[in-house]
Amino acid sequence: MKDILIVDGYNMIGDWGELKQLKDKHQLIDARDRLIELLAEYQAYSQYKIIVVFDAYQVPGVATKEKQHDVEIIYTRVKETADECIEALTMDKIQKYGRLTRITVATSDMAEQSVIFGNGALRMPASELFTAVRESQRQITQTVNKDYARQRKFSNRVQLDAETQSKLENMRRGLK
């Protein structure tokens, strides 16, 4: 089983500059979507199984789960905070997988960090996850650029010495 990273979604949105700007412009849905995109890329790079929890404490309705870009997304039920959901989810995953799977919770909420750490999970502040996501983007870009350069270097052209090139060019032009 992959290591699991449980992310307090609105905590990241409130902490990461780009996402905070979207939220402040009343584009909370766009901020959520962008967070999920960033975490999907990070999941592919890091090999974490990522679960994002969004607080629906003041929104009527039932809890829902969905997947976007292979990231599991949980919206809490009415009158349930993201912290409560994360605590229950952490305990469930620890009981299910034991110590064979590392469970990490990304949140900057100090009280929440204490509770999940006491339950046996690792903690990661929002700033640390932001740094890890940005580093993974840098590594992905570097790998893509390196692969592109390698493909250009080893194109389908055959490398020939100058004399052979000259002979072939003369043959092409019908010269002796």
Protein backbone atom coordinates (compact mmCIF):
# COMPACT_ATOMS: atom_id res chain seq x y z
CA MET A 1 0.00 0.00 0.00
CA LYS A 2 1.23 3.50 -0.83
CA ASP A 3 1.82 6.02 1.91
CA ILE A 4 -1.24 8.21 2.45
CA LEU A 5 -1.32 11.99 2.58
CA ILE A 6 -4.52 13.49 3.99
CA VAL A 7 -4.81 17.19 3.15
CA ASP A 8 -6.98 19.78 4.90
CA GLY A 9 -8.06 21.48 1.67
CA TYR A 10 -9.24 24.85 2.96
CA ASN A 11 -6.19 25.09 5.21
CA MET A 12 -3.95 24.87 2.11
CA ILE A 13 -6.13 27.37 0.22
CA GLY A 14 -5.80 29.82 3.11
CA ASP A 15 -2.02 29.42 3.20
CA TRP A 16 -0.79 29.10 -0.40
CA GLY A 17 -0.48 32.49 -2.12
CA GLU A 18 -1.93 31.62 -5.54
CA LEU A 19 -4.90 29.80 -3.99
CA LYS A 20 -5.47 32.47 -1.35
CA GLN A 21 -5.70 35.11 -4.11
CA LEU A 22 -8.34 33.08 -5.93
CA LYS A 23 -10.32 32.65 -2.72
CA ASP A 24 -10.05 36.36 -1.92
CA LYS A 25 -11.46 37.15 -5.38
CA HIS A 26 -14.54 35.05 -4.50
CA GLN A 27 -13.39 32.21 -6.72
CA LEU A 28 -13.34 29.47 -4.10
CA ILE A 29 -14.33 26.77 -6.60
CA ASP A 30 -11.40 27.75 -8.83
CA ALA A 31 -9.06 27.66 -5.82
CA ARG A 32 -10.31 24.16 -4.92
CA ASP A 33 -9.88 22.95 -8.50
CA ARG A 34 -6.36 24.39 -8.71
CA LEU A 35 -5.40 22.75 -5.40
CA ILE A 36 -6.65 19.41 -6.70
CA GLU A 37 -4.65 19.83 -9.93
CA LEU A 38 -1.47 20.63 -7.99
CA LEU A 39 -2.00 17.69 -5.66
CA ALA A 40 -2.68 15.33 -8.59
CA GLU A 41 0.69 16.22 -10.10
CA TYR A 42 2.34 15.81 -6.72
CA GLN A 43 0.63 12.45 -6.21
CA ALA A 44 2.01 11.17 -9.52
CA TYR A 45 5.50 12.37 -8.59
CA SER A 46 5.59 11.44 -4.91
CA GLN A 47 3.75 8.13 -5.02
CA TYR A 48 1.53 9.25 -2.11
CA LYS A 49 -2.14 8.33 -2.25
CA ILE A 50 -3.70 11.73 -1.62
CA ILE A 51 -7.02 12.37 0.06
CA VAL A 52 -8.25 15.99 0.27
CA VAL A 53 -10.88 16.92 2.84
CA PHE A 54 -13.03 20.01 2.38
CA ASP A 55 -15.10 21.35 5.23
CA ALA A 56 -18.85 21.50 4.55
CA TYR A 57 -19.67 22.36 8.16
CA GLN A 58 -22.11 25.13 7.29
CA VAL A 59 -23.36 23.68 4.02
CA PRO A 60 -26.49 21.53 4.15
CA GLY A 61 -26.25 18.07 2.67
CA VAL A 62 -24.65 14.70 3.12
CA ALA A 63 -20.98 13.86 3.03
CA THR A 64 -19.73 13.08 -0.44
CA LYS A 65 -16.67 11.41 -1.90
CA GLU A 66 -15.43 11.76 -5.43
CA LYS A 67 -12.26 11.41 -7.47
CA GLN A 68 -10.68 14.03 -9.68
CA HIS A 69 -7.39 13.37 -11.46
CA ASP A 70 -7.08 10.21 -9.30
CA VAL A 71 -7.15 12.29 -6.09
CA GLU A 72 -9.81 11.28 -3.58
CA ILE A 73 -11.90 14.24 -2.42
CA ILE A 74 -14.12 14.20 0.63
CA TYR A 75 -16.68 16.89 1.44
CA THR A 76 -17.74 16.55 5.08
CA ARG A 77 -21.37 16.18 6.08
CA VAL A 78 -23.33 19.02 7.64
CA LYS A 79 -22.20 19.86 11.19
CA GLU A 80 -18.93 17.96 10.68
CA THR A 81 -15.69 19.90 10.50
CA ALA A 82 -12.78 18.92 8.29
CA ASP A 83 -10.77 18.36 11.48
CA GLU A 84 -13.29 15.82 12.78
CA CYS A 85 -13.33 14.03 9.45
CA ILE A 86 -9.53 14.01 9.22
CA GLU A 87 -9.20 12.62 12.76
CA ALA A 88 -11.68 9.81 12.03
CA LEU A 89 -10.09 9.10 8.65
CA THR A 90 -6.62 8.98 10.19
CA MET A 91 -7.71 6.53 12.87
CA ASP A 92 -9.50 4.39 10.28
CA LYS A 93 -6.42 4.22 8.01
CA ILE A 94 -4.09 3.46 10.93
CA GLN A 95 -6.35 0.65 12.12
CA LYS A 96 -6.77 -0.68 8.58
CA TYR A 97 -3.12 -0.59 7.49
CA GLY A 98 -1.24 -0.53 10.79
CA ARG A 99 2.35 0.63 10.73
CA LEU A 100 2.99 -0.74 7.23
CA THR A 101 1.61 2.45 5.71
CA ARG A 102 2.78 5.91 6.67
CA ILE A 103 -0.15 8.27 7.23
CA THR A 104 0.66 11.99 7.00
CA VAL A 105 -1.76 14.85 7.56
CA ALA A 106 -1.10 18.22 5.92
CA THR A 107 -2.51 21.06 8.02
CA SER A 108 -1.16 24.12 9.79
CA ASP A 109 -3.81 23.91 12.51
CA MET A 110 -1.66 23.31 15.62
CA ALA A 111 -4.48 21.70 17.63
CA GLU A 112 -5.20 19.33 14.77
CA GLN A 113 -1.51 18.50 14.40
CA SER A 114 -1.35 17.53 18.08
CA VAL A 115 -4.40 15.26 17.82
CA ILE A 116 -3.31 13.42 14.69
CA PHE A 117 0.26 13.08 15.97
CA GLY A 118 -1.17 11.60 19.17
CA ASN A 119 -3.15 9.15 17.03
CA GLY A 120 0.05 7.94 15.35
CA ALA A 121 0.07 9.91 12.10
CA LEU A 122 2.78 12.23 10.87
CA ARG A 123 2.11 15.93 10.40
CA MET A 124 3.08 18.32 7.67
CA PRO A 125 2.45 22.07 7.80
CA ALA A 126 0.90 23.77 4.75
CA SER A 127 4.17 25.56 3.98
CA GLU A 128 6.08 22.26 3.89
CA LEU A 129 3.57 20.69 1.51
CA PHE A 130 3.73 23.81 -0.67
CA THR A 131 7.53 23.49 -0.83
CA ALA A 132 7.27 19.78 -1.70
CA VAL A 133 4.72 20.46 -4.46
CA ARG A 134 6.88 23.23 -5.97
CA GLU A 135 10.00 21.04 -5.82
CA SER A 136 8.14 18.21 -7.57
CA GLN A 137 7.09 20.65 -10.31
CA ARG A 138 10.72 21.74 -10.72
CA GLN A 139 11.89 18.11 -10.93
CA ILE A 140 9.19 17.23 -13.47
CA THR A 141 10.13 20.22 -15.65
CA GLN A 142 13.80 19.33 -15.42
CA THR A 143 13.11 15.71 -16.43
CA VAL A 144 10.90 16.75 -19.35
CA ASN A 145 13.53 19.23 -20.59
CA LYS A 146 16.28 16.61 -20.28
CA ASP A 147 14.20 14.05 -22.20
CA TYR A 148 13.44 16.62 -24.91
CA ALA A 149 17.14 17.47 -25.29
CA ARG A 150 17.99 13.76 -25.49
CA GLN A 151 15.37 13.21 -28.18
CA ARG A 152 16.73 16.11 -30.22
CA LYS A 153 20.27 14.80 -29.86
CA PHE A 154 19.26 11.32 -30.99
CA SER A 155 17.00 12.26 -33.85
CA ASN A 156 16.33 9.82 -36.66
CA ARG A 157 19.20 11.30 -38.69
CA VAL A 158 22.25 9.11 -39.12
CA GLN A 159 25.48 10.75 -38.06
CA LEU A 160 27.96 10.73 -40.96
CA ASP A 161 31.49 11.97 -41.33
CA ALA A 162 32.14 14.95 -43.65
CA GLU A 163 33.57 12.84 -46.51
CA THR A 164 30.53 10.53 -46.63
CA GLN A 165 28.17 13.50 -46.42
CA SER A 166 29.96 15.11 -49.36
CA LYS A 167 29.78 11.92 -51.47
CA LEU A 168 26.07 11.49 -50.76
CA GLU A 169 25.36 15.13 -51.55
CA ASN A 170 27.20 14.78 -54.88
CA MET A 171 25.20 11.64 -55.67
CA ARG A 172 21.96 13.48 -54.82
CA ARG A 173 22.87 16.29 -57.20
CA GLY A 174 23.94 13.88 -59.93
CA LEU A 175 27.60 14.88 -59.73
CA LYS A 176 30.54 12.51 -59.79
